[in-house]
Amino acid sequence: MAASTHTVTNQPPPLVGYDVFTADRALREAVERHLDPEVFAEADGELADFGRAAGSEQAREWGVLANECPPRLRTHDRYGNRIDEVEFHPAWHRLLGRAVGAGLTDAWGRPGGHVRRAAGFMLTTQIEAGHGCPLSMTHAAVPALRTDPELAAVWEPLLTSWAYEEGLRPPAEKAGVLFGMGMTEKQGGSDVRANTTEARPLAEDGTYVLTGHKWFCSAPMSDGFLVLAQASSSAGQGGLTCFLVPRVLPDGTRNAFAIQRLKDKLGNRSNASAEVEFDGTTWARRVGGEGRGVRTIIGMVAATRLDCVLGSAALMRQAVAQAVHHAAYRRAFGGVLIEKPLMRNVLADLALESEAATVLGMRLAAAYDTDSEAERAFARIAVPVAKYWVTKRCTPTAAEALECLGGNGYVEESGMPRLLRESPLNSIWEGSGNVQALDVLRALQREPMALNAFLTEVGKARGADHRLDRAIREMLTELADLDGIEGRARRLVERMALVLQGSLLVRWAPAEVADAFCASRLGGDWGTAFGTLPSTLDLATVVERARAEV
């Protein structure tokens, strides 16, 4: 037996065994703010239960296992029959089952459904982000299917079910289903109008067979998919059209859906992303009119873009919670790290980024719960603004939080490397940065109500902070100058995002948080790295607010 050489000391305990929801003050306050009191009373208990489950040692272990044992593709069975199935570790199914069972695909028909779901989505993403993909796709498929009431009547109850059933069977035999999406192809990427997949009509109205490929197909183990293809029509309409492709046909036979391979990705390892082929016999049902594919599927895209915002906000929250937790227990150079002025500055800076992302994401979720023209117009422009900015802030936030743990943070067991690998993903999925910036320009140029709604929202905080007021004036100057606007699109959208975040924090965050955000992000009293906040601010209060008590 080896002799003992030392005693392990000065190592922080793991951040487990806590309520992830209640410990996140910014998130819980947002849920309370955006829900009616009686709805909040119910949601608060549900989310606290889910938060305790998310913060458990069991959930943490499931997240580790789901990523250490990534999905495997089985193209054929033992006899050589094509089956195209994806196998997942049981931990993945447990995470996904718990999330579906918490109503995270059911937002469209219950009071405060989007706010409640958004909070739950942020909680489950902090365990492990990969299983959020099928949750997001299934949730987001509802508005696209509602363009065809007949299809919606069949599929929506299954999509919004709280029952998770793994495995491929006819949808009529399942209590709940999952959906994926196939839009992009090799030659076009985000330019989906360059798609070449063809859809040939069959004798039965609204049915087609597809020939082509999808370069990125989300959640390939799902029961159905919304895809875009070029419809050929004897009536002379045709064009890019949305289709529903089921994996299993009503008679129980498998649809032609050949999975070529699973992508070997930087992060998001627990989740399967695939390349698929449609061989000319792939049966599909049209959703919406021919040639209206983008218009039909845009509701799904908007909902998944909001989930990218929420997912990034969740990753930032978990990274910051881990950094603050570590610093609260770790001693160095004669004191606890969290009490050191420079570390406090870094942690406060990270906390500002996290809270601003959370407050913005939850405000957008609330817009979906309000069925008004003004809120729809606000969401139309604010979702791509937030998708552009929040997802881009995720990677530097995760990297700096990892550094707060020092060498321990660079070790896989800490969980921080997984957060860092995941952090760039939401900036790429559902349209990368340039796509979002250009979408904001389209909204500005074609939908004047969107800009009016945005300015109305920002204007609610006018007069509360002089730095915010100045930033609003500068933003309006930018908006008034349309010369060379495409080349300045990123600059403009960044400014819009910061002004919107600042206005929300001034209205709803503690004064210490709003003051620090406005001083640094809007007032220019900030460096180019985290930890460069003005030393005159009350940073200790900002850090303590971000701490997750165990």
Protein backbone atom coordinates (compact mmCIF):
# COMPACT_ATOMS: atom_id res chain seq x y z
CA MET A 1 0.00 0.00 0.00
CA ALA A 2 1.38 3.39 -0.99
CA ALA A 3 2.19 5.79 1.81
CA SER A 4 0.01 8.85 2.18
CA THR A 5 1.80 11.90 0.78
CA HIS A 6 -0.69 14.67 1.44
CA THR A 7 -4.18 15.63 2.52
CA VAL A 8 -6.58 17.04 -0.09
CA THR A 9 -7.57 20.55 0.98
CA ASN A 10 -8.73 23.80 -0.58
CA GLN A 11 -10.79 22.07 -3.27
CA PRO A 12 -14.34 23.44 -3.69
CA PRO A 13 -17.18 20.94 -3.32
CA PRO A 14 -19.04 20.06 -6.53
CA LEU A 15 -21.95 22.30 -7.42
CA VAL A 16 -24.66 19.64 -7.10
CA GLY A 17 -27.66 19.00 -4.88
CA TYR A 18 -29.27 22.40 -5.38
CA ASP A 19 -32.34 23.93 -7.02
CA VAL A 20 -31.09 25.34 -10.32
CA PHE A 21 -34.26 27.43 -10.76
CA THR A 22 -34.58 29.06 -7.35
CA ALA A 23 -30.83 29.67 -7.19
CA ASP A 24 -31.04 31.71 -10.41
CA ARG A 25 -32.50 34.98 -9.14
CA ALA A 26 -32.64 36.65 -12.55
CA LEU A 27 -34.51 33.72 -14.08
CA ARG A 28 -37.03 33.29 -11.27
CA GLU A 29 -37.73 37.03 -11.20
CA ALA A 30 -38.33 36.98 -14.95
CA VAL A 31 -40.81 34.13 -14.67
CA GLU A 32 -42.69 35.96 -11.92
CA ARG A 33 -42.63 39.21 -13.88
CA HIS A 34 -44.07 37.75 -17.07
CA LEU A 35 -46.77 35.46 -15.62
CA ASP A 36 -50.09 36.28 -14.02
CA PRO A 37 -49.91 35.71 -10.24
CA GLU A 38 -52.09 32.61 -10.23
CA VAL A 39 -50.14 31.08 -13.12
CA PHE A 40 -46.84 31.93 -11.45
CA ALA A 41 -47.90 30.19 -8.24
CA GLU A 42 -48.32 26.96 -10.17
CA ALA A 43 -45.27 27.43 -12.40
CA ASP A 44 -43.01 28.33 -9.48
CA GLY A 45 -43.60 24.98 -7.82
CA GLU A 46 -43.22 23.04 -11.06
CA LEU A 47 -39.99 24.79 -11.98
CA ALA A 48 -38.56 24.41 -8.47
CA ASP A 49 -39.20 20.66 -8.66
CA PHE A 50 -37.58 20.53 -12.08
CA GLY A 51 -34.74 22.74 -10.83
CA ARG A 52 -33.97 20.32 -7.99
CA ALA A 53 -33.94 17.44 -10.45
CA ALA A 54 -31.65 19.40 -12.77
CA GLY A 55 -29.25 20.15 -9.92
CA SER A 56 -29.07 16.57 -8.67
CA GLU A 57 -26.03 14.30 -8.76
CA GLN A 58 -28.05 11.86 -10.87
CA ALA A 59 -28.76 14.45 -13.56
CA ARG A 60 -25.12 15.48 -13.62
CA GLU A 61 -24.10 11.86 -14.15
CA TRP A 62 -26.64 11.43 -16.94
CA GLY A 63 -25.19 14.47 -18.69
CA VAL A 64 -21.67 13.07 -18.46
CA LEU A 65 -22.70 9.64 -19.74
CA ALA A 66 -24.74 11.02 -22.63
CA ASN A 67 -21.65 12.85 -23.89
CA GLU A 68 -19.06 10.18 -23.13
CA CYS A 69 -21.20 7.61 -24.99
CA PRO A 70 -22.35 9.45 -28.12
CA PRO A 71 -25.04 8.14 -30.49
CA ARG A 72 -24.27 5.37 -32.96
CA LEU A 73 -25.71 4.87 -36.43
CA ARG A 74 -27.05 1.44 -37.41
CA THR A 75 -27.76 1.48 -41.12
CA HIS A 76 -28.66 -2.25 -41.40
CA ASP A 77 -29.89 -5.05 -39.21
CA ARG A 78 -28.07 -8.37 -38.85
CA TYR A 79 -29.76 -9.72 -41.99
CA GLY A 80 -28.76 -6.82 -44.20
CA ASN A 81 -32.08 -5.00 -44.14
CA ARG A 82 -31.85 -1.20 -44.19
CA ILE A 83 -33.11 0.18 -40.86
CA ASP A 84 -31.36 3.59 -40.47
CA GLU A 85 -31.65 3.81 -36.71
CA VAL A 86 -29.66 5.86 -34.23
CA GLU A 87 -28.84 4.32 -30.85
CA PHE A 88 -28.41 6.51 -27.77
CA HIS A 89 -27.09 5.80 -24.30
CA PRO A 90 -29.90 5.24 -21.74
CA ALA A 91 -28.84 8.47 -20.02
CA TRP A 92 -29.87 10.44 -23.10
CA HIS A 93 -33.34 8.89 -23.01
CA ARG A 94 -33.68 9.65 -19.32
CA LEU A 95 -32.79 13.30 -19.84
CA LEU A 96 -35.10 13.64 -22.82
CA GLY A 97 -37.90 11.78 -21.09
CA ARG A 98 -37.69 13.96 -18.02
CA ALA A 99 -37.72 17.13 -20.15
CA VAL A 100 -40.70 16.04 -22.25
CA GLY A 101 -42.43 14.97 -19.03
CA ALA A 102 -41.93 18.51 -17.71
CA GLY A 103 -43.87 19.97 -20.64
CA LEU A 104 -40.92 21.34 -22.61
CA THR A 105 -42.62 20.62 -25.94
CA ASP A 106 -45.95 22.04 -24.76
CA ALA A 107 -45.96 25.83 -24.94
CA TRP A 108 -48.51 26.81 -27.53
CA GLY A 109 -51.78 26.07 -25.78
CA ARG A 110 -51.48 26.72 -22.03
CA PRO A 111 -51.42 30.00 -20.07
CA GLY A 112 -47.92 31.45 -19.93
CA GLY A 113 -46.75 28.41 -21.83
CA HIS A 114 -43.79 30.02 -23.57
CA VAL A 115 -42.39 31.66 -20.43
CA ARG A 116 -42.79 28.44 -18.45
CA ARG A 117 -41.22 26.36 -21.19
CA ALA A 118 -38.36 28.85 -21.72
CA ALA A 119 -37.41 28.66 -18.05
CA GLY A 120 -37.55 24.87 -18.08
CA PHE A 121 -35.50 24.77 -21.29
CA MET A 122 -32.82 26.87 -19.61
CA LEU A 123 -32.77 24.49 -16.65
CA THR A 124 -32.43 21.29 -18.65
CA THR A 125 -29.80 22.83 -20.95
CA GLN A 126 -27.60 23.44 -17.91
CA ILE A 127 -27.48 19.69 -17.29
CA GLU A 128 -26.54 18.81 -20.85
CA ALA A 129 -27.27 20.79 -24.01
CA GLY A 130 -27.53 18.06 -26.66
CA HIS A 131 -30.97 16.77 -25.78
CA GLY A 132 -32.28 20.30 -26.23
CA CYS A 133 -32.20 19.86 -30.02
CA PRO A 134 -35.18 17.46 -30.35
CA LEU A 135 -37.01 19.43 -27.65
CA SER A 136 -36.55 22.59 -29.68
CA MET A 137 -37.46 21.07 -33.05
CA THR A 138 -40.57 19.35 -31.68
CA HIS A 139 -41.77 22.51 -29.95
CA ALA A 140 -41.05 24.68 -32.99
CA ALA A 141 -42.81 22.44 -35.52
CA VAL A 142 -46.25 23.45 -34.20
CA PRO A 143 -46.59 26.86 -35.94
CA ALA A 144 -45.52 25.39 -39.28
CA LEU A 145 -48.03 22.56 -39.06
CA ARG A 146 -50.79 24.97 -38.08
CA THR A 147 -50.68 26.34 -41.63
CA ASP A 148 -52.46 23.08 -42.51
CA PRO A 149 -55.30 22.50 -40.00
CA GLU A 150 -55.79 18.91 -41.13
CA LEU A 151 -52.18 18.03 -40.41
CA ALA A 152 -52.15 20.00 -37.18
CA ALA A 153 -55.19 18.10 -35.90
CA VAL A 154 -53.29 14.82 -36.26
CA TRP A 155 -49.80 15.82 -35.18
CA GLU A 156 -50.08 18.69 -32.69
CA PRO A 157 -51.49 16.60 -29.82
CA LEU A 158 -48.57 14.20 -30.24
CA LEU A 159 -45.96 16.96 -30.50
CA THR A 160 -47.21 18.71 -27.36
CA SER A 161 -47.67 15.49 -25.38
CA TRP A 162 -45.93 15.12 -22.02
CA ALA A 163 -45.23 11.45 -22.80
CA TYR A 164 -41.88 10.37 -24.25
CA GLU A 165 -41.73 7.11 -26.17
CA GLU A 166 -38.47 6.14 -27.83
CA GLY A 167 -38.37 3.96 -30.93
CA LEU A 168 -39.87 4.09 -34.41
CA ARG A 169 -43.50 3.05 -34.73
CA PRO A 170 -46.55 4.44 -36.57
CA PRO A 171 -47.44 7.76 -34.90
CA ALA A 172 -50.99 6.54 -34.21
CA GLU A 173 -49.50 3.89 -31.90
CA LYS A 174 -47.50 6.38 -29.81
CA ALA A 175 -48.53 8.69 -26.99
CA GLY A 176 -46.02 11.33 -28.07
CA VAL A 177 -43.66 12.01 -30.96
CA LEU A 178 -40.52 14.02 -31.73
CA PHE A 179 -39.80 16.08 -34.84
CA GLY A 180 -36.61 17.06 -36.63
CA MET A 181 -35.86 19.43 -39.48
CA GLY A 182 -33.99 19.17 -42.78
CA MET A 183 -33.39 22.43 -44.60
CA THR A 184 -29.75 22.83 -45.62
CA GLU A 185 -27.94 21.11 -48.46
CA LYS A 186 -24.29 20.85 -49.49
CA GLN A 187 -24.36 23.54 -52.14
CA GLY A 188 -26.41 26.17 -50.32
CA GLY A 189 -26.18 26.03 -46.54
CA SER A 190 -28.28 28.88 -45.19
CA ASP A 191 -29.22 29.87 -48.75
CA VAL A 192 -32.10 27.39 -48.84
CA ARG A 193 -33.45 28.78 -52.11
CA ALA A 194 -30.45 27.04 -53.71
CA ASN A 195 -31.84 23.65 -52.60
CA THR A 196 -32.00 21.00 -55.33
CA THR A 197 -34.02 18.26 -53.61
CA GLU A 198 -37.00 17.57 -55.88
CA ALA A 199 -40.59 16.77 -54.96
CA ARG A 200 -42.73 15.02 -57.55
CA PRO A 201 -46.49 15.01 -56.98
CA LEU A 202 -48.44 11.77 -56.66
CA ALA A 203 -52.05 11.11 -57.60
CA GLU A 204 -53.34 11.81 -54.08
CA ASP A 205 -53.64 15.54 -53.51
CA GLY A 206 -50.87 16.96 -51.33
CA THR A 207 -48.61 13.89 -51.49
CA TYR A 208 -45.22 13.70 -53.18
CA VAL A 209 -42.06 11.63 -53.44
CA LEU A 210 -38.70 13.25 -52.76
CA THR A 211 -35.33 12.83 -54.44
CA GLY A 212 -32.25 14.52 -53.03
CA HIS A 213 -30.24 15.00 -49.88
CA LYS A 214 -29.94 17.01 -46.69
CA TRP A 215 -26.47 17.96 -45.50
CA PHE A 216 -27.63 18.68 -41.94
CA CYS A 217 -30.70 16.86 -40.63
CA SER A 218 -31.53 17.56 -37.00
CA ALA A 219 -32.52 14.79 -34.59
CA PRO A 220 -32.54 11.91 -37.14
CA MET A 221 -34.11 9.48 -34.66
CA SER A 222 -37.34 11.51 -34.71
CA ASP A 223 -40.79 10.39 -35.84
CA GLY A 224 -41.20 13.10 -38.46
CA PHE A 225 -39.35 15.90 -40.21
CA LEU A 226 -40.14 19.19 -41.84
CA VAL A 227 -38.01 19.58 -44.97
CA LEU A 228 -37.73 21.96 -47.89
CA ALA A 229 -37.71 20.74 -51.49
CA GLN A 230 -38.37 22.09 -54.97
CA ALA A 231 -41.87 21.01 -55.99
CA SER A 232 -42.54 20.24 -59.64
CA SER A 233 -46.17 20.80 -60.53
CA SER A 234 -48.21 20.32 -63.68
CA ALA A 235 -50.25 23.33 -62.57
CA GLY A 236 -47.22 25.52 -63.10
CA GLN A 237 -46.77 26.62 -59.49
CA GLY A 238 -43.93 24.63 -57.98
CA GLY A 239 -40.93 26.16 -56.27
CA LEU A 240 -39.46 25.77 -52.80
CA THR A 241 -42.05 24.04 -50.65
CA CYS A 242 -42.33 22.66 -47.13
CA PHE A 243 -43.02 18.95 -46.62
CA LEU A 244 -43.68 16.61 -43.73
CA VAL A 245 -41.63 13.40 -44.01
CA PRO A 246 -42.67 10.68 -41.52
CA ARG A 247 -40.16 7.98 -40.62
CA VAL A 248 -42.84 5.30 -40.38
CA LEU A 249 -45.83 5.18 -42.71
CA PRO A 250 -49.37 4.47 -41.49
CA ASP A 251 -49.16 0.83 -42.58
CA GLY A 252 -46.10 0.31 -40.37
CA THR A 253 -43.48 0.21 -43.13
CA ARG A 254 -40.39 2.41 -42.96
CA ASN A 255 -40.26 5.45 -45.22
CA ALA A 256 -37.18 5.73 -47.43
CA PHE A 257 -34.89 7.81 -45.24
CA ALA A 258 -31.28 6.74 -45.73
CA ILE A 259 -28.96 8.11 -43.03
CA GLN A 260 -25.52 8.33 -44.67
CA ARG A 261 -23.54 9.25 -41.56
CA LEU A 262 -23.64 11.17 -38.30
CA LYS A 263 -21.65 14.38 -38.08
CA ASP A 264 -18.48 14.35 -35.97
CA LYS A 265 -18.98 17.69 -34.22
CA LEU A 266 -16.86 19.95 -32.04
CA GLY A 267 -19.43 19.82 -29.24
CA ASN A 268 -23.04 18.75 -28.82
CA ARG A 269 -21.68 15.21 -28.77
CA SER A 270 -24.70 13.57 -27.17
CA ASN A 271 -26.99 14.73 -29.98
CA ALA A 272 -27.12 13.18 -33.45
CA SER A 273 -26.92 15.38 -36.54
CA ALA A 274 -27.05 13.50 -39.82
CA GLU A 275 -26.70 13.53 -43.58
CA VAL A 276 -29.71 11.86 -45.22
CA GLU A 277 -30.70 10.81 -48.73
CA PHE A 278 -34.17 10.66 -50.30
CA ASP A 279 -34.13 8.06 -53.07
CA GLY A 280 -37.13 8.98 -55.20
CA THR A 281 -39.54 6.84 -53.19
CA THR A 282 -39.48 8.94 -50.00
CA TRP A 283 -43.11 9.75 -49.27
CA ALA A 284 -43.94 13.28 -48.13
CA ARG A 285 -47.01 15.37 -47.38
CA ARG A 286 -47.03 19.00 -48.45
CA VAL A 287 -47.36 21.61 -45.69
CA GLY A 288 -48.68 24.93 -46.96
CA GLY A 289 -48.83 25.92 -50.61
CA GLU A 290 -46.35 25.11 -53.35
CA GLY A 291 -43.65 27.73 -53.61
CA ARG A 292 -44.36 28.98 -50.08
CA GLY A 293 -41.83 26.83 -48.26
CA VAL A 294 -39.91 29.62 -46.56
CA ARG A 295 -43.10 31.41 -45.51
CA THR A 296 -44.49 28.14 -44.13
CA ILE A 297 -41.43 27.10 -42.16
CA ILE A 298 -40.43 30.58 -40.95
CA GLY A 299 -42.49 30.19 -37.78
CA MET A 300 -40.49 27.10 -36.91
CA VAL A 301 -37.23 28.90 -37.65
CA ALA A 302 -38.16 31.87 -35.43
CA ALA A 303 -39.01 29.56 -32.53
CA THR A 304 -35.75 27.63 -32.84
CA ARG A 305 -33.81 30.89 -33.04
CA LEU A 306 -35.34 31.92 -29.73
CA ASP A 307 -34.22 28.57 -28.33
CA CYS A 308 -30.70 29.38 -29.51
CA VAL A 309 -30.89 32.55 -27.39
CA LEU A 310 -32.23 30.62 -24.40
CA GLY A 311 -29.70 27.83 -24.86
CA SER A 312 -26.79 30.28 -24.91
CA ALA A 313 -28.19 32.11 -21.89
CA ALA A 314 -28.38 28.77 -20.06
CA LEU A 315 -24.80 27.85 -20.93
CA MET A 316 -23.62 31.26 -19.73
CA ARG A 317 -25.59 30.92 -16.52
CA GLN A 318 -24.09 27.51 -15.76
CA ALA A 319 -20.56 28.70 -16.59
CA VAL A 320 -20.93 31.75 -14.33
CA ALA A 321 -22.51 29.71 -11.53
CA GLN A 322 -19.57 27.31 -11.63
CA ALA A 323 -17.03 30.15 -11.64
CA VAL A 324 -18.65 31.99 -8.72
CA HIS A 325 -19.06 28.74 -6.78
CA HIS A 326 -15.39 27.89 -7.23
CA ALA A 327 -14.25 31.35 -6.19
CA ALA A 328 -16.46 31.29 -3.10
CA TYR A 329 -14.58 28.27 -1.71
CA ARG A 330 -11.08 28.49 -3.18
CA ARG A 331 -8.41 30.30 -1.17
CA ALA A 332 -5.28 31.81 -2.69
CA PHE A 333 -2.77 34.50 -1.80
CA GLY A 334 -4.10 34.88 1.70
CA GLY A 335 -7.83 34.98 1.15
CA VAL A 336 -10.93 33.60 -0.55
CA LEU A 337 -10.87 34.29 -4.29
CA ILE A 338 -14.34 35.82 -4.40
CA GLU A 339 -13.15 38.55 -2.02
CA LYS A 340 -10.15 39.50 -4.14
CA PRO A 341 -10.87 42.79 -5.97
CA LEU A 342 -9.61 41.62 -9.36
CA MET A 343 -11.42 38.28 -9.28
CA ARG A 344 -14.55 40.06 -8.07
CA ASN A 345 -14.33 42.33 -11.11
CA VAL A 346 -14.07 39.35 -13.46
CA LEU A 347 -16.97 37.53 -11.83
CA ALA A 348 -19.19 40.62 -11.80
CA ASP A 349 -18.47 41.23 -15.49
CA LEU A 350 -19.42 37.65 -16.31
CA ALA A 351 -22.55 37.92 -14.16
CA LEU A 352 -23.67 41.01 -16.08
CA GLU A 353 -23.36 39.17 -19.38
CA SER A 354 -25.34 36.23 -18.05
CA GLU A 355 -28.16 38.25 -16.49
CA ALA A 356 -28.54 40.45 -19.57
CA ALA A 357 -28.90 37.33 -21.73
CA THR A 358 -31.45 35.76 -19.38
CA VAL A 359 -33.59 38.89 -19.08
CA LEU A 360 -33.65 39.37 -22.85
CA GLY A 361 -34.43 35.72 -23.63
CA MET A 362 -37.31 35.63 -21.17
CA ARG A 363 -38.72 38.91 -22.49
CA LEU A 364 -38.85 37.35 -25.95
CA ALA A 365 -40.58 34.26 -24.59
CA ALA A 366 -43.19 36.53 -23.02
CA ALA A 367 -43.79 38.13 -26.43
CA TYR A 368 -44.87 34.73 -27.73
CA ASP A 369 -47.39 34.42 -24.91
CA THR A 370 -49.08 37.71 -25.83
CA ASP A 371 -51.27 37.41 -28.91
CA SER A 372 -51.04 40.98 -30.13
CA GLU A 373 -49.84 42.57 -33.34
CA ALA A 374 -47.41 44.79 -31.42
CA GLU A 375 -45.75 41.85 -29.65
CA ARG A 376 -45.49 39.88 -32.89
CA ALA A 377 -43.84 42.88 -34.51
CA PHE A 378 -41.45 43.22 -31.58
CA ALA A 379 -40.50 39.54 -31.74
CA ARG A 380 -39.99 39.76 -35.50
CA ILE A 381 -37.01 42.09 -35.07
CA ALA A 382 -35.89 41.38 -31.52
CA VAL A 383 -35.44 37.62 -32.02
CA PRO A 384 -32.75 37.96 -34.74
CA VAL A 385 -31.18 40.85 -32.81
CA ALA A 386 -30.91 38.64 -29.71
CA LYS A 387 -29.94 35.55 -31.69
CA TYR A 388 -27.04 37.52 -33.22
CA TRP A 389 -25.71 39.01 -30.01
CA VAL A 390 -26.43 36.61 -27.15
CA THR A 391 -25.11 33.57 -28.99
CA LYS A 392 -21.91 35.44 -29.86
CA ARG A 393 -21.33 36.39 -26.23
CA CYS A 394 -21.57 32.78 -25.10
CA THR A 395 -18.10 31.61 -26.15
CA PRO A 396 -16.04 34.40 -24.52
CA THR A 397 -18.18 34.07 -21.39
CA ALA A 398 -17.63 30.30 -21.18
CA ALA A 399 -13.91 30.68 -21.83
CA GLU A 400 -13.42 33.33 -19.12
CA ALA A 401 -15.50 31.34 -16.63
CA LEU A 402 -13.37 28.28 -17.32
CA GLU A 403 -10.25 30.34 -16.61
CA CYS A 404 -11.67 31.31 -13.22
CA LEU A 405 -11.19 27.67 -12.21
CA GLY A 406 -7.58 27.72 -13.37
CA GLY A 407 -6.12 24.40 -14.41
CA ASN A 408 -9.04 22.59 -12.79
CA GLY A 409 -11.34 24.22 -15.33
CA TYR A 410 -9.31 22.87 -18.23
CA VAL A 411 -9.79 19.31 -17.01
CA GLU A 412 -12.72 17.40 -18.49
CA GLU A 413 -14.10 16.28 -15.13
CA SER A 414 -14.92 19.88 -14.20
CA GLY A 415 -17.57 20.05 -16.94
CA MET A 416 -16.21 23.37 -18.15
CA PRO A 417 -14.60 22.01 -21.35
CA ARG A 418 -17.99 20.63 -22.41
CA LEU A 419 -19.56 24.05 -21.89
CA LEU A 420 -16.80 25.66 -23.95
CA ARG A 421 -17.15 23.18 -26.81
CA GLU A 422 -20.89 23.73 -26.84
CA SER A 423 -20.69 27.52 -26.69
CA PRO A 424 -20.21 28.38 -30.42
CA LEU A 425 -23.04 26.15 -31.60
CA ASN A 426 -26.07 28.39 -31.19
CA SER A 427 -24.35 31.16 -33.10
CA ILE A 428 -24.16 28.82 -36.10
CA TRP A 429 -27.41 26.85 -35.92
CA GLU A 430 -30.55 28.40 -37.43
CA GLY A 431 -28.53 30.98 -39.34
CA SER A 432 -25.10 32.29 -38.37
CA GLY A 433 -24.23 35.87 -37.45
CA ASN A 434 -24.38 37.41 -40.92
CA VAL A 435 -27.71 35.72 -41.63
CA GLN A 436 -29.20 37.19 -38.45
CA ALA A 437 -27.84 40.67 -39.15
CA LEU A 438 -29.24 40.62 -42.68
CA ASP A 439 -32.58 39.41 -41.36
CA VAL A 440 -32.71 42.44 -39.07
CA LEU A 441 -32.10 44.66 -42.08
CA ARG A 442 -34.96 42.97 -43.93
CA ALA A 443 -37.26 43.62 -41.00
CA LEU A 444 -36.17 47.26 -40.87
CA GLN A 445 -36.70 47.80 -44.57
CA ARG A 446 -39.90 45.81 -45.14
CA GLU A 447 -41.76 45.82 -41.82
CA PRO A 448 -41.94 49.31 -40.31
CA MET A 449 -44.12 48.05 -37.45
CA ALA A 450 -41.19 45.94 -36.26
CA LEU A 451 -38.95 48.95 -35.75
CA ASN A 452 -41.78 50.90 -34.12
CA ALA A 453 -42.37 48.05 -31.67
CA PHE A 454 -38.65 47.81 -30.91
CA LEU A 455 -38.35 51.54 -30.26
CA THR A 456 -41.48 51.48 -28.10
CA GLU A 457 -39.96 48.74 -25.94
CA VAL A 458 -36.65 50.54 -25.59
CA GLY A 459 -38.39 53.84 -24.95
CA LYS A 460 -40.05 52.49 -21.80
CA ALA A 461 -36.73 53.05 -19.99
CA ARG A 462 -35.99 56.51 -21.39
CA GLY A 463 -34.97 59.04 -18.79
CA ALA A 464 -33.92 56.41 -16.24
CA ASP A 465 -30.20 56.43 -17.11
CA HIS A 466 -28.28 59.08 -19.02
CA ARG A 467 -25.93 56.51 -20.60
CA LEU A 468 -28.88 54.55 -21.94
CA ASP A 469 -30.47 57.73 -23.28
CA ARG A 470 -27.25 58.61 -25.12
CA ALA A 471 -26.98 55.09 -26.53
CA ILE A 472 -30.56 55.29 -27.81
CA ARG A 473 -29.78 58.57 -29.60
CA GLU A 474 -26.67 57.07 -31.19
CA MET A 475 -28.66 54.00 -32.29
CA LEU A 476 -31.29 56.23 -33.91
CA THR A 477 -28.54 58.06 -35.79
CA GLU A 478 -27.27 54.73 -37.12
CA LEU A 479 -30.78 53.70 -38.14
CA ALA A 480 -31.29 56.97 -40.03
CA ASP A 481 -28.19 56.43 -42.20
CA LEU A 482 -28.93 53.74 -44.79
CA ASP A 483 -25.82 54.33 -46.95
CA GLY A 484 -23.70 51.18 -46.93
CA ILE A 485 -26.04 49.65 -44.34
CA GLU A 486 -25.21 46.04 -45.23
CA GLY A 487 -21.53 46.53 -44.45
CA ARG A 488 -22.50 48.09 -41.11
CA ALA A 489 -25.16 45.53 -40.25
CA ARG A 490 -23.24 43.77 -37.48
CA ARG A 491 -22.33 47.07 -35.85
CA LEU A 492 -25.95 48.21 -35.96
CA VAL A 493 -27.41 44.96 -34.62
CA GLU A 494 -24.87 44.84 -31.79
CA ARG A 495 -25.86 48.34 -30.78
CA MET A 496 -29.55 47.45 -30.94
CA ALA A 497 -28.97 44.39 -28.75
CA LEU A 498 -27.04 46.31 -26.10
CA VAL A 499 -29.60 49.10 -26.01
CA LEU A 500 -32.41 46.58 -25.64
CA GLN A 501 -30.59 44.69 -22.89
CA GLY A 502 -29.78 47.94 -21.12
CA SER A 503 -33.37 49.14 -21.27
CA LEU A 504 -34.66 45.86 -19.79
CA LEU A 505 -32.09 45.86 -16.98
CA VAL A 506 -32.78 49.48 -16.11
CA ARG A 507 -36.46 48.62 -15.73
CA TRP A 508 -36.20 45.28 -13.99
CA ALA A 509 -32.76 44.47 -12.54
CA PRO A 510 -31.35 45.66 -9.21
CA ALA A 511 -29.79 49.10 -9.42
CA GLU A 512 -26.27 47.70 -8.97
CA VAL A 513 -26.67 45.43 -12.01
CA ALA A 514 -28.24 48.08 -14.24
CA ASP A 515 -25.63 50.67 -13.24
CA ALA A 516 -22.73 48.33 -14.01
CA PHE A 517 -24.22 47.31 -17.36
CA CYS A 518 -24.90 50.85 -18.48
CA ALA A 519 -21.49 52.08 -17.34
CA SER A 520 -19.63 49.35 -19.21
CA ARG A 521 -21.71 48.25 -22.20
CA LEU A 522 -23.36 51.59 -22.99
CA GLY A 523 -21.17 54.22 -21.33
CA GLY A 524 -17.88 52.99 -22.76
CA ASP A 525 -16.14 52.64 -19.38
CA TRP A 526 -14.93 49.13 -20.13
CA GLY A 527 -11.98 47.32 -21.66
CA THR A 528 -11.95 44.59 -24.29
CA ALA A 529 -11.65 41.70 -21.82
CA PHE A 530 -13.76 40.61 -18.88
CA GLY A 531 -12.69 42.06 -15.54
CA THR A 532 -12.34 45.64 -16.73
CA LEU A 533 -15.39 47.18 -15.05
CA PRO A 534 -15.02 50.55 -13.30
CA SER A 535 -13.79 49.97 -9.76
CA THR A 536 -16.26 52.49 -8.36
CA LEU A 537 -19.22 50.15 -8.93
CA ASP A 538 -20.82 47.91 -6.30
CA LEU A 539 -19.40 44.68 -7.75
CA ALA A 540 -19.78 42.58 -4.60
CA THR A 541 -23.57 42.82 -4.81
CA VAL A 542 -23.53 41.84 -8.48
CA VAL A 543 -21.42 38.76 -7.75
CA GLU A 544 -23.46 37.68 -4.74
CA ARG A 545 -26.63 37.87 -6.84
CA ALA A 546 -25.09 35.40 -9.33
CA ARG A 547 -24.04 32.90 -6.68
CA ALA A 548 -25.88 29.58 -6.55
CA GLU A 549 -26.35 28.62 -2.92
CA VAL A 550 -26.07 24.88 -2.26
